[in-house]
Amino acid sequence: MRELYPEIEPYRSQRLRVSPLHELHVEECGSPDGLPVIFLHGGPGAGVSPYHRRFFDPKRYRIILFDQRGAGQSTPHAELRENTTAHLVADIEAVRELMQVERWVVFGGSWGSTLALAYSQAHPGRALGLVLRGIFLGRAGEIRWFNELDGGASWIFPERWARYLAHIPEVERGEMIEAYWRRLDGDDAQARVAAALAWSDWEGGSTTLLHDPDEPGQFDTPESALALARIEAHYFRHQVFLQPDQLLRDVHRIRHVPATIVHGRYDIICPMKAAWDLATAWPEADLRVVLAGHSAADPAIVDALVGATDALADRFAAQPA
C-alpha cells in the first residue's frame, strides 16, 4: 500500500483579503515549479492541517492550501456573514489568481468534494483533473442521515449519538440541527462552546473504519470545535447554499475532466450512495471503493488518494499548466 509523503513545511504563507470582512490564510508547499494542485478542506469549517500536505509528491507538485472563510487561521474566526458556497467558489478563483496559475488539479474530500465539484462546474476550464474523496453532494437526505433522528448514522454509532442527543432537551430533538443552531448562534458564550464540543465529538469520532467509542474526536479544542460546528450548522440549515441535485445536474460541465472518486465502503458520515450517484452521472470518472470509513487517514483511502495524485503527476507534469 502507498503511504503519505513525508512531513513538509510551507515555503510561503500569506494572507489574502477577499472582502472588507474576510482574510484568508494561504500556504504553498512542495516544488514552486511543480504541477499546481489546490487542496480543499472539509467541514465546512474544519481548516487545513500539516497532514493535508502529504497526499502529493513534493518534488512534482506545487501544493496550495488555504483555510476557508471562518476556518483555521482565516479571520474572523467562525464568522458566518458573507459565508456561502458562492463566496467560497469565488475565493478559490481569487487564490488561483494570487498564485498566477492558469489551470490546476483540484483535490477535495467530504465537504471539500462538494466544493471541488461546485468550483469546477462554475469554472470548468480551470481544472486539469479532480481527485475527490468521501463524496458529499449536499442533498437534504445526506444532511439528515448524519445529523437527525430520522437519519441512519445514529443506528451505527449509538454510543456517540447518545452523547450528541443528550445535549438537547427531548422537546427539541425533532430537528437537531436547528436545536444546536440556537445554541451555537446564541449570546451565551459558554453554551456556544459546549454545543460546539458536543457537535464536534459526534462528527470527529465517527470517521474511521475501526471505531473506538472512547477515543476523543479530532475537533476537541473549543476554537476548532466552534468553527466547525457553527459553520457546518449554518451551511446545513441552508442546504449548503446549493439547489437540489445541483451538482448532479451540472456534472456535464466537467465530464471531460479526468477524475478519480475514492470512497470508503463503510463511510458513515457520507454514505456511499452519493459516490454511486455521482459516478452514475459521470461514467468517465474512475470510482474506487475501498475498505475504509470516512477518514482520509484510513490506510486504504491513503493508498488510493496517493495513487491518484501520482497518476495525475505522471500524466500532466510534463505539460504546461
C-alpha atoms as a PDB file:
ATOM      1  CA  MET A   1       0.000   0.000   0.000  1.00  0.00           C
ATOM      2  CA  ARG A   2       1.115   3.527  -0.712  1.00  0.00           C
ATOM      3  CA  GLU A   3       1.775   5.759   2.260  1.00  0.00           C
ATOM      4  CA  LEU A   4       1.709   9.503   2.749  1.00  0.00           C
ATOM      5  CA  TYR A   5       4.684  11.542   1.649  1.00  0.00           C
ATOM      6  CA  PRO A   6       6.969  12.808   4.444  1.00  0.00           C
ATOM      7  CA  GLU A   7       6.066  15.835   6.525  1.00  0.00           C
ATOM      8  CA  ILE A   8       6.799  19.109   4.789  1.00  0.00           C
ATOM      9  CA  GLU A   9       6.748  22.785   5.743  1.00  0.00           C
ATOM     10  CA  PRO A  10       5.389  25.597   3.563  1.00  0.00           C
ATOM     11  CA  TYR A  11       7.905  27.596   1.578  1.00  0.00           C
ATOM     12  CA  ARG A  12       5.465  30.526   1.558  1.00  0.00           C
ATOM     13  CA  SER A  13       2.472  31.572   3.666  1.00  0.00           C
ATOM     14  CA  GLN A  14       0.466  34.714   3.061  1.00  0.00           C
ATOM     15  CA  ARG A  15      -2.803  36.480   3.739  1.00  0.00           C
ATOM     16  CA  LEU A  16      -5.396  37.123   1.048  1.00  0.00           C
ATOM     17  CA  ARG A  17      -8.120  39.693   1.686  1.00  0.00           C
ATOM     18  CA  VAL A  18     -11.218  38.619  -0.228  1.00  0.00           C
ATOM     19  CA  SER A  19     -13.630  41.187   1.223  1.00  0.00           C
ATOM     20  CA  PRO A  20     -13.568  44.047   3.730  1.00  0.00           C
ATOM     21  CA  LEU A  21     -14.545  41.430   6.329  1.00  0.00           C
ATOM     22  CA  HIS A  22     -12.690  38.228   5.395  1.00  0.00           C
ATOM     23  CA  GLU A  23      -8.970  37.476   5.154  1.00  0.00           C
ATOM     24  CA  LEU A  24      -7.730  34.007   4.199  1.00  0.00           C
ATOM     25  CA  HIS A  25      -4.647  32.068   5.232  1.00  0.00           C
ATOM     26  CA  VAL A  26      -2.911  30.635   2.145  1.00  0.00           C
ATOM     27  CA  GLU A  27       0.185  28.433   2.032  1.00  0.00           C
ATOM     28  CA  GLU A  28       2.368  26.772  -0.589  1.00  0.00           C
ATOM     29  CA  CYS A  29       4.468  23.619  -0.223  1.00  0.00           C
ATOM     30  CA  GLY A  30       6.491  21.343  -2.448  1.00  0.00           C
ATOM     31  CA  SER A  31       8.068  22.490  -5.712  1.00  0.00           C
ATOM     32  CA  PRO A  32       7.389  26.077  -6.881  1.00  0.00           C
ATOM     33  CA  ASP A  33       7.701  24.818 -10.469  1.00  0.00           C
ATOM     34  CA  GLY A  34       5.625  21.680  -9.945  1.00  0.00           C
ATOM     35  CA  LEU A  35       2.155  20.743 -11.100  1.00  0.00           C
ATOM     36  CA  PRO A  36      -0.213  23.066  -9.206  1.00  0.00           C
ATOM     37  CA  VAL A  37      -2.867  21.485  -7.003  1.00  0.00           C
ATOM     38  CA  ILE A  38      -5.418  23.204  -4.782  1.00  0.00           C
ATOM     39  CA  PHE A  39      -6.406  21.324  -1.621  1.00  0.00           C
ATOM     40  CA  LEU A  40      -9.972  21.996  -0.424  1.00  0.00           C
ATOM     41  CA  HIS A  41     -10.586  21.063   3.205  1.00  0.00           C
ATOM     42  CA  GLY A  42     -13.730  19.628   4.699  1.00  0.00           C
ATOM     43  CA  GLY A  43     -16.351  20.692   7.184  1.00  0.00           C
ATOM     44  CA  PRO A  44     -17.160  23.318   6.148  1.00  0.00           C
ATOM     45  CA  GLY A  45     -15.134  24.916   8.903  1.00  0.00           C
ATOM     46  CA  ALA A  46     -12.523  22.219   9.533  1.00  0.00           C
ATOM     47  CA  GLY A  47      -9.477  24.120   8.224  1.00  0.00           C
ATOM     48  CA  VAL A  48      -6.254  22.725   6.824  1.00  0.00           C
ATOM     49  CA  SER A  49      -3.565  20.864   8.753  1.00  0.00           C
ATOM     50  CA  PRO A  50       0.031  19.762   8.084  1.00  0.00           C
ATOM     51  CA  TYR A  51      -1.355  16.283   7.355  1.00  0.00           C
ATOM     52  CA  HIS A  52      -3.110  17.563   4.237  1.00  0.00           C
ATOM     53  CA  ARG A  53       0.165  18.488   2.546  1.00  0.00           C
ATOM     54  CA  ARG A  54       1.253  14.873   2.397  1.00  0.00           C
ATOM     55  CA  PHE A  55      -1.024  13.440  -0.300  1.00  0.00           C
ATOM     56  CA  PHE A  56       1.226  14.882  -3.011  1.00  0.00           C
ATOM     57  CA  ASP A  57       4.781  14.195  -4.178  1.00  0.00           C
ATOM     58  CA  PRO A  58       6.557  17.394  -3.065  1.00  0.00           C
ATOM     59  CA  LYS A  59       9.131  17.032  -5.836  1.00  0.00           C
ATOM     60  CA  ARG A  60       6.425  17.090  -8.512  1.00  0.00           C
ATOM     61  CA  TYR A  61       3.619  19.197  -7.070  1.00  0.00           C
ATOM     62  CA  ARG A  62       3.171  22.824  -6.126  1.00  0.00           C
ATOM     63  CA  ILE A  63       0.789  22.216  -3.226  1.00  0.00           C
ATOM     64  CA  ILE A  64      -1.567  25.113  -2.474  1.00  0.00           C
ATOM     65  CA  LEU A  65      -3.789  25.060   0.606  1.00  0.00           C
ATOM     66  CA  PHE A  66      -5.997  27.659   2.246  1.00  0.00           C
ATOM     67  CA  ASP A  67      -8.366  27.959   5.185  1.00  0.00           C
ATOM     68  CA  GLN A  68     -11.886  28.737   4.006  1.00  0.00           C
ATOM     69  CA  ARG A  69     -13.824  31.668   5.448  1.00  0.00           C
ATOM     70  CA  GLY A  70     -14.037  31.485   9.230  1.00  0.00           C
ATOM     71  CA  ALA A  71     -11.890  28.334   9.455  1.00  0.00           C
ATOM     72  CA  GLY A  72      -8.376  27.634  10.693  1.00  0.00           C
ATOM     73  CA  GLN A  73      -6.140  30.683  10.551  1.00  0.00           C
ATOM     74  CA  SER A  74      -8.502  32.697   8.356  1.00  0.00           C
ATOM     75  CA  THR A  75     -10.237  35.622  10.029  1.00  0.00           C
ATOM     76  CA  PRO A  76     -12.660  36.490  11.512  1.00  0.00           C
ATOM     77  CA  HIS A  77     -12.793  33.143  13.305  1.00  0.00           C
ATOM     78  CA  ALA A  78     -16.060  31.181  12.888  1.00  0.00           C
ATOM     79  CA  GLU A  79     -17.593  34.117  11.006  1.00  0.00           C
ATOM     80  CA  LEU A  80     -20.900  33.395   9.224  1.00  0.00           C
ATOM     81  CA  ARG A  81     -21.520  36.685   7.465  1.00  0.00           C
ATOM     82  CA  GLU A  82     -20.567  36.616   3.771  1.00  0.00           C
ATOM     83  CA  ASN A  83     -20.028  32.872   4.105  1.00  0.00           C
ATOM     84  CA  THR A  84     -21.828  30.792   1.456  1.00  0.00           C
ATOM     85  CA  THR A  85     -20.796  28.275  -1.174  1.00  0.00           C
ATOM     86  CA  ALA A  86     -20.769  31.015  -3.817  1.00  0.00           C
ATOM     87  CA  HIS A  87     -18.369  33.054  -1.673  1.00  0.00           C
ATOM     88  CA  LEU A  88     -16.040  30.067  -1.304  1.00  0.00           C
ATOM     89  CA  VAL A  89     -16.105  29.323  -5.042  1.00  0.00           C
ATOM     90  CA  ALA A  90     -15.137  32.943  -5.699  1.00  0.00           C
ATOM     91  CA  ASP A  91     -12.370  32.660  -3.097  1.00  0.00           C
ATOM     92  CA  ILE A  92     -10.853  29.676  -4.894  1.00  0.00           C
ATOM     93  CA  GLU A  93     -10.631  31.779  -8.045  1.00  0.00           C
ATOM     94  CA  ALA A  94      -9.041  34.574  -6.015  1.00  0.00           C
ATOM     95  CA  VAL A  95      -6.427  32.119  -4.711  1.00  0.00           C
ATOM     96  CA  ARG A  96      -5.780  30.894  -8.257  1.00  0.00           C
ATOM     97  CA  GLU A  97      -5.210  34.449  -9.451  1.00  0.00           C
ATOM     98  CA  LEU A  98      -2.936  35.160  -6.476  1.00  0.00           C
ATOM     99  CA  MET A  99      -0.894  32.077  -7.376  1.00  0.00           C
ATOM    100  CA  GLN A 100      -0.786  33.151 -11.055  1.00  0.00           C
ATOM    101  CA  VAL A 101      -1.945  29.691 -12.117  1.00  0.00           C
ATOM    102  CA  GLU A 102      -3.982  29.126 -15.272  1.00  0.00           C
ATOM    103  CA  ARG A 103      -5.109  25.559 -14.536  1.00  0.00           C
ATOM    104  CA  TRP A 104      -4.631  23.219 -11.629  1.00  0.00           C
ATOM    105  CA  VAL A 105      -5.560  19.881 -10.127  1.00  0.00           C
ATOM    106  CA  VAL A 106      -8.498  20.189  -7.710  1.00  0.00           C
ATOM    107  CA  PHE A 107      -8.399  17.885  -4.658  1.00  0.00           C
ATOM    108  CA  GLY A 108     -11.106  17.705  -2.006  1.00  0.00           C
ATOM    109  CA  GLY A 109     -12.687  15.310   0.463  1.00  0.00           C
ATOM    110  CA  SER A 110     -16.054  15.309   2.239  1.00  0.00           C
ATOM    111  CA  TRP A 111     -17.227  18.956   2.137  1.00  0.00           C
ATOM    112  CA  GLY A 112     -14.074  19.528   0.094  1.00  0.00           C
ATOM    113  CA  SER A 113     -15.542  17.242  -2.587  1.00  0.00           C
ATOM    114  CA  THR A 114     -18.726  19.327  -2.606  1.00  0.00           C
ATOM    115  CA  LEU A 115     -16.735  22.496  -3.034  1.00  0.00           C
ATOM    116  CA  ALA A 116     -14.449  20.935  -5.647  1.00  0.00           C
ATOM    117  CA  LEU A 117     -17.468  19.965  -7.743  1.00  0.00           C
ATOM    118  CA  ALA A 118     -19.164  23.350  -7.317  1.00  0.00           C
ATOM    119  CA  TYR A 119     -15.968  25.202  -8.241  1.00  0.00           C
ATOM    120  CA  SER A 120     -15.098  23.021 -11.213  1.00  0.00           C
ATOM    121  CA  GLN A 121     -18.628  23.214 -12.584  1.00  0.00           C
ATOM    122  CA  ALA A 122     -18.571  27.005 -12.267  1.00  0.00           C
ATOM    123  CA  HIS A 123     -15.091  27.232 -13.844  1.00  0.00           C
ATOM    124  CA  PRO A 124     -14.732  24.087 -15.992  1.00  0.00           C
ATOM    125  CA  GLY A 125     -11.725  25.425 -17.862  1.00  0.00           C
ATOM    126  CA  ARG A 126      -9.601  25.675 -14.724  1.00  0.00           C
ATOM    127  CA  ALA A 127      -9.479  22.028 -13.610  1.00  0.00           C
ATOM    128  CA  LEU A 128      -6.728  19.836 -15.030  1.00  0.00           C
ATOM    129  CA  GLY A 129      -8.057  16.914 -13.041  1.00  0.00           C
ATOM    130  CA  LEU A 130     -10.074  16.138  -9.932  1.00  0.00           C
ATOM    131  CA  VAL A 131      -9.328  13.846  -7.002  1.00  0.00           C
ATOM    132  CA  LEU A 132     -12.405  13.502  -4.792  1.00  0.00           C
ATOM    133  CA  ARG A 133     -12.844  11.596  -1.530  1.00  0.00           C
ATOM    134  CA  GLY A 134     -15.859  10.879   0.668  1.00  0.00           C
ATOM    135  CA  ILE A 135     -18.443  12.362  -1.687  1.00  0.00           C
ATOM    136  CA  PHE A 136     -20.998  14.746  -0.196  1.00  0.00           C
ATOM    137  CA  LEU A 137     -23.482  16.250  -2.653  1.00  0.00           C
ATOM    138  CA  GLY A 138     -25.196  18.469  -0.089  1.00  0.00           C
ATOM    139  CA  ARG A 139     -28.630  16.916  -0.560  1.00  0.00           C
ATOM    140  CA  ALA A 140     -31.238  17.045   2.194  1.00  0.00           C
ATOM    141  CA  GLY A 141     -31.173  13.287   2.735  1.00  0.00           C
ATOM    142  CA  GLU A 142     -27.399  13.282   3.149  1.00  0.00           C
ATOM    143  CA  ILE A 143     -27.573  16.076   5.718  1.00  0.00           C
ATOM    144  CA  ARG A 144     -30.335  14.385   7.717  1.00  0.00           C
ATOM    145  CA  TRP A 145     -28.620  10.974   7.530  1.00  0.00           C
ATOM    146  CA  PHE A 146     -25.875  12.084   9.882  1.00  0.00           C
ATOM    147  CA  ASN A 147     -27.465  14.859  11.918  1.00  0.00           C
ATOM    148  CA  GLU A 148     -31.102  13.971  12.621  1.00  0.00           C
ATOM    149  CA  LEU A 149     -33.076  11.295  14.480  1.00  0.00           C
ATOM    150  CA  ASP A 150     -34.673  10.058  11.261  1.00  0.00           C
ATOM    151  CA  GLY A 151     -31.281   9.576   9.634  1.00  0.00           C
ATOM    152  CA  GLY A 152     -29.290   6.368   9.810  1.00  0.00           C
ATOM    153  CA  ALA A 153     -25.918   7.174  11.355  1.00  0.00           C
ATOM    154  CA  SER A 154     -27.333   7.121  14.887  1.00  0.00           C
ATOM    155  CA  TRP A 155     -28.011   3.381  14.474  1.00  0.00           C
ATOM    156  CA  ILE A 156     -24.360   2.702  13.606  1.00  0.00           C
ATOM    157  CA  PHE A 157     -22.675   4.642  16.420  1.00  0.00           C
ATOM    158  CA  PRO A 158     -25.374   4.737  19.132  1.00  0.00           C
ATOM    159  CA  GLU A 159     -22.923   5.402  21.959  1.00  0.00           C
ATOM    160  CA  ARG A 160     -21.660   8.613  20.371  1.00  0.00           C
ATOM    161  CA  TRP A 161     -25.141   9.571  19.199  1.00  0.00           C
ATOM    162  CA  ALA A 162     -26.357   9.313  22.805  1.00  0.00           C
ATOM    163  CA  ARG A 163     -23.849  11.989  23.802  1.00  0.00           C
ATOM    164  CA  TYR A 164     -24.869  14.170  20.846  1.00  0.00           C
ATOM    165  CA  LEU A 165     -28.539  13.732  21.767  1.00  0.00           C
ATOM    166  CA  ALA A 166     -28.056  14.317  25.498  1.00  0.00           C
ATOM    167  CA  HIS A 167     -27.054  17.923  24.920  1.00  0.00           C
ATOM    168  CA  ILE A 168     -30.535  18.776  23.594  1.00  0.00           C
ATOM    169  CA  PRO A 169     -33.787  18.630  25.635  1.00  0.00           C
ATOM    170  CA  GLU A 170     -36.207  15.965  24.423  1.00  0.00           C
ATOM    171  CA  VAL A 171     -38.774  18.523  23.279  1.00  0.00           C
ATOM    172  CA  GLU A 172     -36.279  19.927  20.725  1.00  0.00           C
ATOM    173  CA  ARG A 173     -34.897  16.675  19.335  1.00  0.00           C
ATOM    174  CA  GLY A 174     -37.186  16.549  16.299  1.00  0.00           C
ATOM    175  CA  GLU A 175     -34.853  18.966  14.499  1.00  0.00           C
ATOM    176  CA  MET A 176     -31.366  18.534  15.899  1.00  0.00           C
ATOM    177  CA  ILE A 177     -29.600  20.921  13.530  1.00  0.00           C
ATOM    178  CA  GLU A 178     -31.958  23.743  14.471  1.00  0.00           C
ATOM    179  CA  ALA A 179     -31.677  22.896  18.164  1.00  0.00           C
ATOM    180  CA  TYR A 180     -27.895  23.022  18.000  1.00  0.00           C
ATOM    181  CA  TRP A 181     -28.031  26.163  15.892  1.00  0.00           C
ATOM    182  CA  ARG A 182     -29.968  28.036  18.577  1.00  0.00           C
ATOM    183  CA  ARG A 183     -27.128  27.340  20.988  1.00  0.00           C
ATOM    184  CA  LEU A 184     -24.270  27.857  18.531  1.00  0.00           C
ATOM    185  CA  ASP A 185     -25.654  31.240  17.497  1.00  0.00           C
ATOM    186  CA  GLY A 186     -26.826  32.336  20.933  1.00  0.00           C
ATOM    187  CA  ASP A 187     -25.469  35.056  23.199  1.00  0.00           C
ATOM    188  CA  ASP A 188     -24.191  32.676  25.898  1.00  0.00           C
ATOM    189  CA  ALA A 189     -20.510  32.047  25.107  1.00  0.00           C
ATOM    190  CA  GLN A 190     -20.291  29.062  27.456  1.00  0.00           C
ATOM    191  CA  ALA A 191     -23.352  27.448  25.847  1.00  0.00           C
ATOM    192  CA  ARG A 192     -21.895  28.047  22.379  1.00  0.00           C
ATOM    193  CA  VAL A 193     -18.687  26.221  23.250  1.00  0.00           C
ATOM    194  CA  ALA A 194     -20.494  23.351  24.988  1.00  0.00           C
ATOM    195  CA  ALA A 195     -22.742  22.826  21.961  1.00  0.00           C
ATOM    196  CA  ALA A 196     -19.781  23.041  19.603  1.00  0.00           C
ATOM    197  CA  LEU A 197     -17.834  20.420  21.531  1.00  0.00           C
ATOM    198  CA  ALA A 198     -20.823  18.045  21.556  1.00  0.00           C
ATOM    199  CA  TRP A 199     -21.412  18.551  17.811  1.00  0.00           C
ATOM    200  CA  SER A 200     -17.747  18.040  17.013  1.00  0.00           C
ATOM    201  CA  ASP A 201     -17.428  14.981  19.251  1.00  0.00           C
ATOM    202  CA  TRP A 202     -20.220  13.296  17.288  1.00  0.00           C
ATOM    203  CA  GLU A 203     -18.646  14.082  13.940  1.00  0.00           C
ATOM    204  CA  GLY A 204     -14.968  13.716  14.762  1.00  0.00           C
ATOM    205  CA  GLY A 205     -15.445  10.343  16.434  1.00  0.00           C
ATOM    206  CA  SER A 206     -17.430   8.799  13.583  1.00  0.00           C
ATOM    207  CA  THR A 207     -14.850   8.995  10.833  1.00  0.00           C
ATOM    208  CA  THR A 208     -12.761   5.843  10.995  1.00  0.00           C
ATOM    209  CA  LEU A 209     -13.442   2.258   9.969  1.00  0.00           C
ATOM    210  CA  LEU A 210     -12.187   0.797  13.261  1.00  0.00           C
ATOM    211  CA  HIS A 211     -14.249   2.808  15.719  1.00  0.00           C
ATOM    212  CA  ASP A 212     -13.181   3.377  19.323  1.00  0.00           C
ATOM    213  CA  PRO A 213     -16.125   4.848  21.274  1.00  0.00           C
ATOM    214  CA  ASP A 214     -13.773   6.269  23.906  1.00  0.00           C
ATOM    215  CA  GLU A 215     -11.361   7.948  21.502  1.00  0.00           C
ATOM    216  CA  PRO A 216     -11.619  11.765  21.553  1.00  0.00           C
ATOM    217  CA  GLY A 217     -12.683  13.480  18.360  1.00  0.00           C
ATOM    218  CA  GLN A 218     -10.308  15.470  16.202  1.00  0.00           C
ATOM    219  CA  PHE A 219     -12.043  18.787  16.940  1.00  0.00           C
ATOM    220  CA  ASP A 220     -11.780  18.676  20.710  1.00  0.00           C
ATOM    221  CA  THR A 221     -10.461  22.202  21.374  1.00  0.00           C
ATOM    222  CA  PRO A 222     -13.033  24.975  21.843  1.00  0.00           C
ATOM    223  CA  GLU A 223     -11.616  27.026  18.982  1.00  0.00           C
ATOM    224  CA  SER A 224     -11.603  24.245  16.374  1.00  0.00           C
ATOM    225  CA  ALA A 225     -14.955  22.877  17.552  1.00  0.00           C
ATOM    226  CA  LEU A 226     -16.632  26.282  17.401  1.00  0.00           C
ATOM    227  CA  ALA A 227     -15.534  26.959  13.826  1.00  0.00           C
ATOM    228  CA  LEU A 228     -16.579  23.502  12.657  1.00  0.00           C
ATOM    229  CA  ALA A 229     -19.947  23.407  14.417  1.00  0.00           C
ATOM    230  CA  ARG A 230     -21.055  26.982  13.724  1.00  0.00           C
ATOM    231  CA  ILE A 231     -20.090  26.944  10.058  1.00  0.00           C
ATOM    232  CA  GLU A 232     -21.460  23.447   9.430  1.00  0.00           C
ATOM    233  CA  ALA A 233     -24.785  24.205  11.090  1.00  0.00           C
ATOM    234  CA  HIS A 234     -25.014  27.473   9.135  1.00  0.00           C
ATOM    235  CA  TYR A 235     -24.463  25.643   5.851  1.00  0.00           C
ATOM    236  CA  PHE A 236     -26.621  22.620   6.658  1.00  0.00           C
ATOM    237  CA  ARG A 237     -29.682  24.647   7.627  1.00  0.00           C
ATOM    238  CA  HIS A 238     -29.374  26.368   4.232  1.00  0.00           C
ATOM    239  CA  GLN A 239     -28.914  23.113   2.269  1.00  0.00           C
ATOM    240  CA  VAL A 240     -25.265  24.168   1.751  1.00  0.00           C
ATOM    241  CA  PHE A 241     -26.463  27.039  -0.453  1.00  0.00           C
ATOM    242  CA  LEU A 242     -26.984  24.766  -3.467  1.00  0.00           C
ATOM    243  CA  GLN A 243     -30.089  23.988  -5.485  1.00  0.00           C
ATOM    244  CA  PRO A 244     -31.481  20.446  -5.107  1.00  0.00           C
ATOM    245  CA  ASP A 245     -29.312  17.990  -7.051  1.00  0.00           C
ATOM    246  CA  GLN A 246     -27.299  20.885  -8.497  1.00  0.00           C
ATOM    247  CA  LEU A 247     -24.003  19.010  -8.528  1.00  0.00           C
ATOM    248  CA  LEU A 248     -25.507  16.037 -10.364  1.00  0.00           C
ATOM    249  CA  ARG A 249     -27.454  18.277 -12.748  1.00  0.00           C
ATOM    250  CA  ASP A 250     -24.339  20.187 -13.780  1.00  0.00           C
ATOM    251  CA  VAL A 251     -21.869  17.299 -13.955  1.00  0.00           C
ATOM    252  CA  HIS A 252     -21.988  17.508 -17.775  1.00  0.00           C
ATOM    253  CA  ARG A 253     -19.833  20.617 -17.493  1.00  0.00           C
ATOM    254  CA  ILE A 254     -16.863  18.610 -16.216  1.00  0.00           C
ATOM    255  CA  ARG A 255     -17.246  15.199 -17.823  1.00  0.00           C
ATOM    256  CA  HIS A 256     -14.206  15.993 -19.982  1.00  0.00           C
ATOM    257  CA  VAL A 257     -12.011  16.412 -16.875  1.00  0.00           C
ATOM    258  CA  PRO A 258     -10.088  13.312 -15.707  1.00  0.00           C
ATOM    259  CA  ALA A 259     -11.351  12.406 -12.256  1.00  0.00           C
ATOM    260  CA  THR A 260     -10.850   9.838  -9.522  1.00  0.00           C
ATOM    261  CA  ILE A 261     -13.544   9.288  -6.895  1.00  0.00           C
ATOM    262  CA  VAL A 262     -12.339   7.491  -3.741  1.00  0.00           C
ATOM    263  CA  HIS A 263     -14.965   6.384  -1.244  1.00  0.00           C
ATOM    264  CA  GLY A 264     -14.888   4.172   1.831  1.00  0.00           C
ATOM    265  CA  ARG A 265     -17.393   1.331   1.620  1.00  0.00           C
ATOM    266  CA  TYR A 266     -18.257   1.858   5.300  1.00  0.00           C
ATOM    267  CA  ASP A 267     -18.286   5.655   5.360  1.00  0.00           C
ATOM    268  CA  ILE A 268     -20.897   6.581   7.969  1.00  0.00           C
ATOM    269  CA  ILE A 269     -20.653  10.367   7.637  1.00  0.00           C
ATOM    270  CA  CYS A 270     -21.032  10.433   3.845  1.00  0.00           C
ATOM    271  CA  PRO A 271     -22.666   7.141   2.811  1.00  0.00           C
ATOM    272  CA  MET A 272     -21.550   5.620  -0.467  1.00  0.00           C
ATOM    273  CA  LYS A 273     -24.878   6.329  -2.195  1.00  0.00           C
ATOM    274  CA  ALA A 274     -23.613   9.827  -3.013  1.00  0.00           C
ATOM    275  CA  ALA A 275     -20.454   8.494  -4.676  1.00  0.00           C
ATOM    276  CA  TRP A 276     -22.513   5.958  -6.608  1.00  0.00           C
ATOM    277  CA  ASP A 277     -24.937   8.619  -7.818  1.00  0.00           C
ATOM    278  CA  LEU A 278     -22.059  10.844  -8.907  1.00  0.00           C
ATOM    279  CA  ALA A 279     -20.270   8.035 -10.740  1.00  0.00           C
ATOM    280  CA  THR A 280     -23.516   7.010 -12.442  1.00  0.00           C
ATOM    281  CA  ALA A 281     -23.956  10.559 -13.738  1.00  0.00           C
ATOM    282  CA  TRP A 282     -20.256  10.744 -14.641  1.00  0.00           C
ATOM    283  CA  PRO A 283     -19.281   7.402 -16.190  1.00  0.00           C
ATOM    284  CA  GLU A 284     -15.907   8.736 -17.350  1.00  0.00           C
ATOM    285  CA  ALA A 285     -14.795   9.157 -13.717  1.00  0.00           C
ATOM    286  CA  ASP A 286     -12.817   6.379 -12.021  1.00  0.00           C
ATOM    287  CA  LEU A 287     -14.768   5.253  -8.938  1.00  0.00           C
ATOM    288  CA  ARG A 288     -12.614   3.415  -6.399  1.00  0.00           C
ATOM    289  CA  VAL A 289     -14.496   1.873  -3.486  1.00  0.00           C
ATOM    290  CA  VAL A 290     -12.113   0.833  -0.719  1.00  0.00           C
ATOM    291  CA  LEU A 291     -12.333  -0.978   2.613  1.00  0.00           C
ATOM    292  CA  ALA A 292     -12.462   2.104   4.809  1.00  0.00           C
ATOM    293  CA  GLY A 293     -14.671   4.563   6.640  1.00  0.00           C
ATOM    294  CA  HIS A 294     -14.788   8.305   6.078  1.00  0.00           C
ATOM    295  CA  SER A 295     -11.385   9.366   7.335  1.00  0.00           C
ATOM    296  CA  ALA A 296      -8.690  10.399   4.893  1.00  0.00           C
ATOM    297  CA  ALA A 297      -6.282   8.692   7.311  1.00  0.00           C
ATOM    298  CA  ASP A 298      -7.732   5.207   6.788  1.00  0.00           C
ATOM    299  CA  PRO A 299      -4.908   3.237   5.093  1.00  0.00           C
ATOM    300  CA  ALA A 300      -6.946   2.142   2.070  1.00  0.00           C
ATOM    301  CA  ILE A 301      -8.013   5.727   1.405  1.00  0.00           C
ATOM    302  CA  VAL A 302      -4.444   6.995   1.742  1.00  0.00           C
ATOM    303  CA  ASP A 303      -3.321   4.352  -0.736  1.00  0.00           C
ATOM    304  CA  ALA A 304      -6.000   5.291  -3.275  1.00  0.00           C
ATOM    305  CA  LEU A 305      -5.540   9.057  -2.936  1.00  0.00           C
ATOM    306  CA  VAL A 306      -1.756   8.984  -3.213  1.00  0.00           C
ATOM    307  CA  GLY A 307      -2.074   6.637  -6.173  1.00  0.00           C
ATOM    308  CA  ALA A 308      -4.451   9.083  -7.845  1.00  0.00           C
ATOM    309  CA  THR A 309      -2.205  12.108  -7.323  1.00  0.00           C
ATOM    310  CA  ASP A 310       0.839  10.157  -8.511  1.00  0.00           C
ATOM    311  CA  ALA A 311      -1.052   9.149 -11.662  1.00  0.00           C
ATOM    312  CA  LEU A 312      -2.047  12.736 -12.411  1.00  0.00           C
ATOM    313  CA  ALA A 313       1.530  13.886 -11.875  1.00  0.00           C
ATOM    314  CA  ASP A 314       2.675  11.251 -14.372  1.00  0.00           C
ATOM    315  CA  ARG A 315       0.067  12.457 -16.831  1.00  0.00           C
ATOM    316  CA  PHE A 316       0.432  16.222 -16.512  1.00  0.00           C
ATOM    317  CA  ALA A 317       3.822  17.101 -15.019  1.00  0.00           C
ATOM    318  CA  ALA A 318       5.427  17.327 -18.453  1.00  0.00           C
ATOM    319  CA  GLN A 319       2.640  19.563 -19.795  1.00  0.00           C
ATOM    320  CA  PRO A 320       2.226  23.297 -19.156  1.00  0.00           C
ATOM    321  CA  ALA A 321      -0.429  24.119 -16.563  1.00  0.00           C
END
